[in-house]
Amino acid sequence: MFAARTITSSILVLGITTVLVAQAPVLDIKLGLWESTIVTNMGGAAMPQMDMSKLPPEQAAKIAEAMKGLTGDRTMTDKNCLTKEDLAKDSFMMPDNSKMTCKRTVTTNTKSTFAADIDCTGETTTKGQITVESLAGGSAYKGAMKMATTSRGRTMNLTMTMSGKYLGSECGDVK
């Protein structure tokens, strides 16, 4: 009886440990300095209508142009340092917001592809999917993310495409 419980407990612990370890990304991707480009599109983020009839025409045109830029594609290129600890974090490829609790359900976890469903609750709710593919022997990647965030009864859809290239193993002062 005692031996059966011990074996059952050991199998249960091993099973839970295997599931937890399986959730850590196993992407074949080099650690070190990366240059990443992210193209973001925020649909449903339309600004409230403003009455600009009392503004001078040139000022109204500037405001209208600035507001147009808020809902189109935005491209950002940045350098970052990828460490072994970054890949091991439960928050890898998750929204970073202390006012939300997020759950990641890994759907694909291979050396070439990491994919997960994201579900966050809190002041806002966010649901979506993310996929990252390792390319060129781990010295490049591409990825995509689709998220829907709801706050105060309004939903904003966010789509991102990502790509990156490995620059070297030394990060210097880049974090």
Protein backbone atom coordinates (compact mmCIF):
# COMPACT_ATOMS: atom_id res chain seq x y z
CA MET A 1 0.00 0.00 0.00
CA PHE A 2 2.76 2.48 1.00
CA ALA A 3 4.85 1.53 -2.04
CA ALA A 4 1.88 2.06 -4.37
CA ARG A 5 1.26 5.55 -2.93
CA THR A 6 4.95 6.42 -3.24
CA ILE A 7 5.03 5.28 -6.87
CA THR A 8 1.78 7.14 -7.64
CA SER A 9 3.11 10.31 -5.96
CA SER A 10 6.41 10.02 -7.86
CA ILE A 11 4.60 9.62 -11.18
CA LEU A 12 2.37 12.61 -10.38
CA VAL A 13 5.37 14.81 -9.47
CA LEU A 14 7.24 13.67 -12.59
CA GLY A 15 4.20 14.40 -14.75
CA ILE A 16 3.73 17.90 -13.31
CA THR A 17 7.45 18.63 -13.65
CA THR A 18 7.41 17.45 -17.27
CA VAL A 19 4.46 19.72 -18.08
CA LEU A 20 6.16 22.71 -16.42
CA VAL A 21 9.46 22.09 -18.18
CA ALA A 22 7.63 21.58 -21.48
CA GLN A 23 6.23 25.11 -21.17
CA ALA A 24 9.68 26.73 -21.30
CA PRO A 25 10.55 27.66 -24.90
CA VAL A 26 13.03 25.31 -26.53
CA LEU A 27 13.62 27.56 -29.55
CA ASP A 28 16.97 27.09 -31.25
CA ILE A 29 17.94 30.75 -31.01
CA LYS A 30 21.30 32.32 -30.22
CA LEU A 31 21.81 34.22 -27.00
CA GLY A 32 23.28 37.71 -27.09
CA LEU A 33 22.71 40.97 -28.96
CA TRP A 34 19.81 41.19 -31.40
CA GLU A 35 18.38 43.86 -33.66
CA SER A 36 14.60 43.51 -33.78
CA THR A 37 12.05 45.20 -35.99
CA ILE A 38 8.41 45.27 -34.93
CA VAL A 39 5.57 46.53 -37.10
CA THR A 40 2.46 47.28 -35.03
CA ASN A 41 -1.08 48.01 -36.18
CA MET A 42 -3.71 49.02 -33.64
CA GLY A 43 -7.17 48.62 -35.08
CA GLY A 44 -10.12 49.92 -33.14
CA ALA A 45 -7.99 52.57 -31.48
CA ALA A 46 -9.75 55.44 -33.21
CA MET A 47 -9.49 58.71 -31.40
CA PRO A 48 -12.67 60.47 -30.29
CA GLN A 49 -14.01 63.02 -32.75
CA MET A 50 -12.92 66.57 -32.04
CA ASP A 51 -14.57 69.79 -33.14
CA MET A 52 -11.76 71.55 -34.98
CA SER A 53 -13.99 74.10 -36.73
CA LYS A 54 -12.72 76.92 -34.50
CA LEU A 55 -9.03 76.14 -35.09
CA PRO A 56 -6.90 77.82 -37.77
CA PRO A 57 -6.81 75.54 -40.89
CA GLU A 58 -3.06 74.76 -40.57
CA GLN A 59 -3.44 73.73 -36.91
CA ALA A 60 -6.50 71.59 -37.70
CA ALA A 61 -4.54 69.89 -40.51
CA LYS A 62 -1.61 69.14 -38.17
CA ILE A 63 -3.92 67.60 -35.56
CA ALA A 64 -5.77 65.53 -38.19
CA GLU A 65 -2.45 64.23 -39.56
CA ALA A 66 -1.19 63.34 -36.08
CA MET A 67 -4.40 61.48 -35.28
CA LYS A 68 -4.18 59.53 -38.55
CA GLY A 69 -0.74 58.29 -37.51
CA LEU A 70 -2.13 56.76 -34.33
CA THR A 71 -4.15 54.07 -36.10
CA GLY A 72 -1.83 53.03 -38.95
CA ASP A 73 1.20 50.76 -39.03
CA ARG A 74 4.12 51.80 -36.84
CA THR A 75 7.60 50.37 -37.27
CA MET A 76 10.17 50.27 -34.49
CA THR A 77 13.70 48.90 -34.71
CA ASP A 78 15.64 48.37 -31.50
CA LYS A 79 18.54 46.41 -30.08
CA ASN A 80 18.06 44.05 -27.15
CA CYS A 81 19.97 41.39 -25.27
CA LEU A 82 18.49 37.88 -25.12
CA THR A 83 19.66 35.73 -22.22
CA LYS A 84 19.01 32.17 -21.14
CA GLU A 85 17.04 33.58 -18.20
CA ASP A 86 14.75 35.52 -20.58
CA LEU A 87 13.78 32.30 -22.36
CA ALA A 88 13.22 30.51 -19.04
CA LYS A 89 10.81 33.13 -17.65
CA ASP A 90 7.13 32.28 -17.46
CA SER A 91 6.54 35.75 -18.88
CA PHE A 92 8.46 35.07 -22.13
CA MET A 93 6.43 36.69 -24.93
CA MET A 94 3.70 37.83 -22.53
CA PRO A 95 2.26 41.31 -21.97
CA ASP A 96 4.13 43.16 -19.22
CA ASN A 97 1.51 44.86 -17.07
CA SER A 98 1.32 44.64 -13.28
CA LYS A 99 -2.44 45.31 -13.37
CA MET A 100 -3.12 42.09 -15.29
CA THR A 101 -2.75 38.40 -14.54
CA CYS A 102 -1.80 36.47 -17.66
CA LYS A 103 -1.89 32.79 -18.51
CA ARG A 104 0.08 31.36 -21.40
CA THR A 105 -1.00 28.09 -23.00
CA VAL A 106 1.79 26.75 -25.20
CA THR A 107 0.43 25.17 -28.38
CA THR A 108 3.73 24.50 -30.19
CA ASN A 109 7.15 24.24 -28.57
CA THR A 110 9.86 22.96 -30.89
CA LYS A 111 13.37 24.09 -31.78
CA SER A 112 11.98 25.90 -34.81
CA THR A 113 8.61 27.24 -33.56
CA PHE A 114 7.13 28.56 -30.34
CA ALA A 115 3.40 29.33 -30.33
CA ALA A 116 1.07 30.14 -27.47
CA ASP A 117 -2.38 31.42 -26.63
CA ILE A 118 -2.41 34.34 -24.19
CA ASP A 119 -5.31 35.11 -21.83
CA CYS A 120 -5.03 38.07 -19.45
CA THR A 121 -7.52 39.38 -16.90
CA GLY A 122 -7.54 42.46 -14.69
CA GLU A 123 -8.45 46.10 -15.33
CA THR A 124 -8.46 45.11 -18.98
CA THR A 125 -8.84 41.72 -20.64
CA THR A 126 -6.49 40.60 -23.38
CA LYS A 127 -6.73 37.47 -25.48
CA GLY A 128 -4.57 36.46 -28.40
CA GLN A 129 -1.95 34.29 -29.99
CA ILE A 130 1.78 34.61 -30.59
CA THR A 131 4.09 32.65 -32.87
CA VAL A 132 7.89 32.91 -33.13
CA GLU A 133 9.99 30.97 -35.65
CA SER A 134 13.74 30.45 -35.42
CA LEU A 135 15.50 30.89 -38.77
CA ALA A 136 19.02 30.55 -40.23
CA GLY A 137 20.32 28.20 -37.55
CA GLY A 138 19.10 30.39 -34.71
CA SER A 139 20.63 33.65 -35.99
CA ALA A 140 17.34 35.15 -37.17
CA TYR A 141 13.67 34.98 -36.24
CA LYS A 142 10.27 36.06 -37.42
CA GLY A 143 7.01 36.14 -35.57
CA ALA A 144 3.49 37.42 -35.33
CA MET A 145 1.12 38.38 -32.56
CA LYS A 146 -2.62 39.06 -32.61
CA MET A 147 -4.30 40.42 -29.50
CA ALA A 148 -7.72 41.82 -28.62
CA THR A 149 -7.80 44.06 -25.55
CA THR A 150 -11.05 45.18 -23.97
CA SER A 151 -11.27 48.04 -21.49
CA ARG A 152 -14.32 50.01 -20.42
CA GLY A 153 -16.45 48.26 -23.01
CA ARG A 154 -14.18 49.15 -25.94
CA THR A 155 -12.06 46.61 -27.80
CA MET A 156 -8.77 47.37 -29.51
CA ASN A 157 -7.21 44.85 -31.89
CA LEU A 158 -3.43 44.73 -32.08
CA THR A 159 -1.41 42.91 -34.70
CA MET A 160 2.36 42.77 -34.74
CA THR A 161 4.89 41.27 -37.06
CA MET A 162 8.38 40.79 -35.73
CA SER A 163 11.73 39.97 -37.23
CA GLY A 164 15.22 39.96 -35.83
CA LYS A 165 18.81 39.29 -36.68
CA TYR A 166 21.60 38.18 -34.39
CA LEU A 167 24.44 40.70 -34.00
CA GLY A 168 26.79 38.87 -31.63
CA SER A 169 27.24 37.18 -28.29
CA GLU A 170 28.34 40.34 -26.41
CA CYS A 171 25.56 42.73 -25.44
CA GLY A 172 27.70 45.53 -24.01
CA ASP A 173 25.40 47.94 -22.17
CA VAL A 174 22.27 46.90 -24.11
CA LYS A 175 19.67 45.19 -21.94
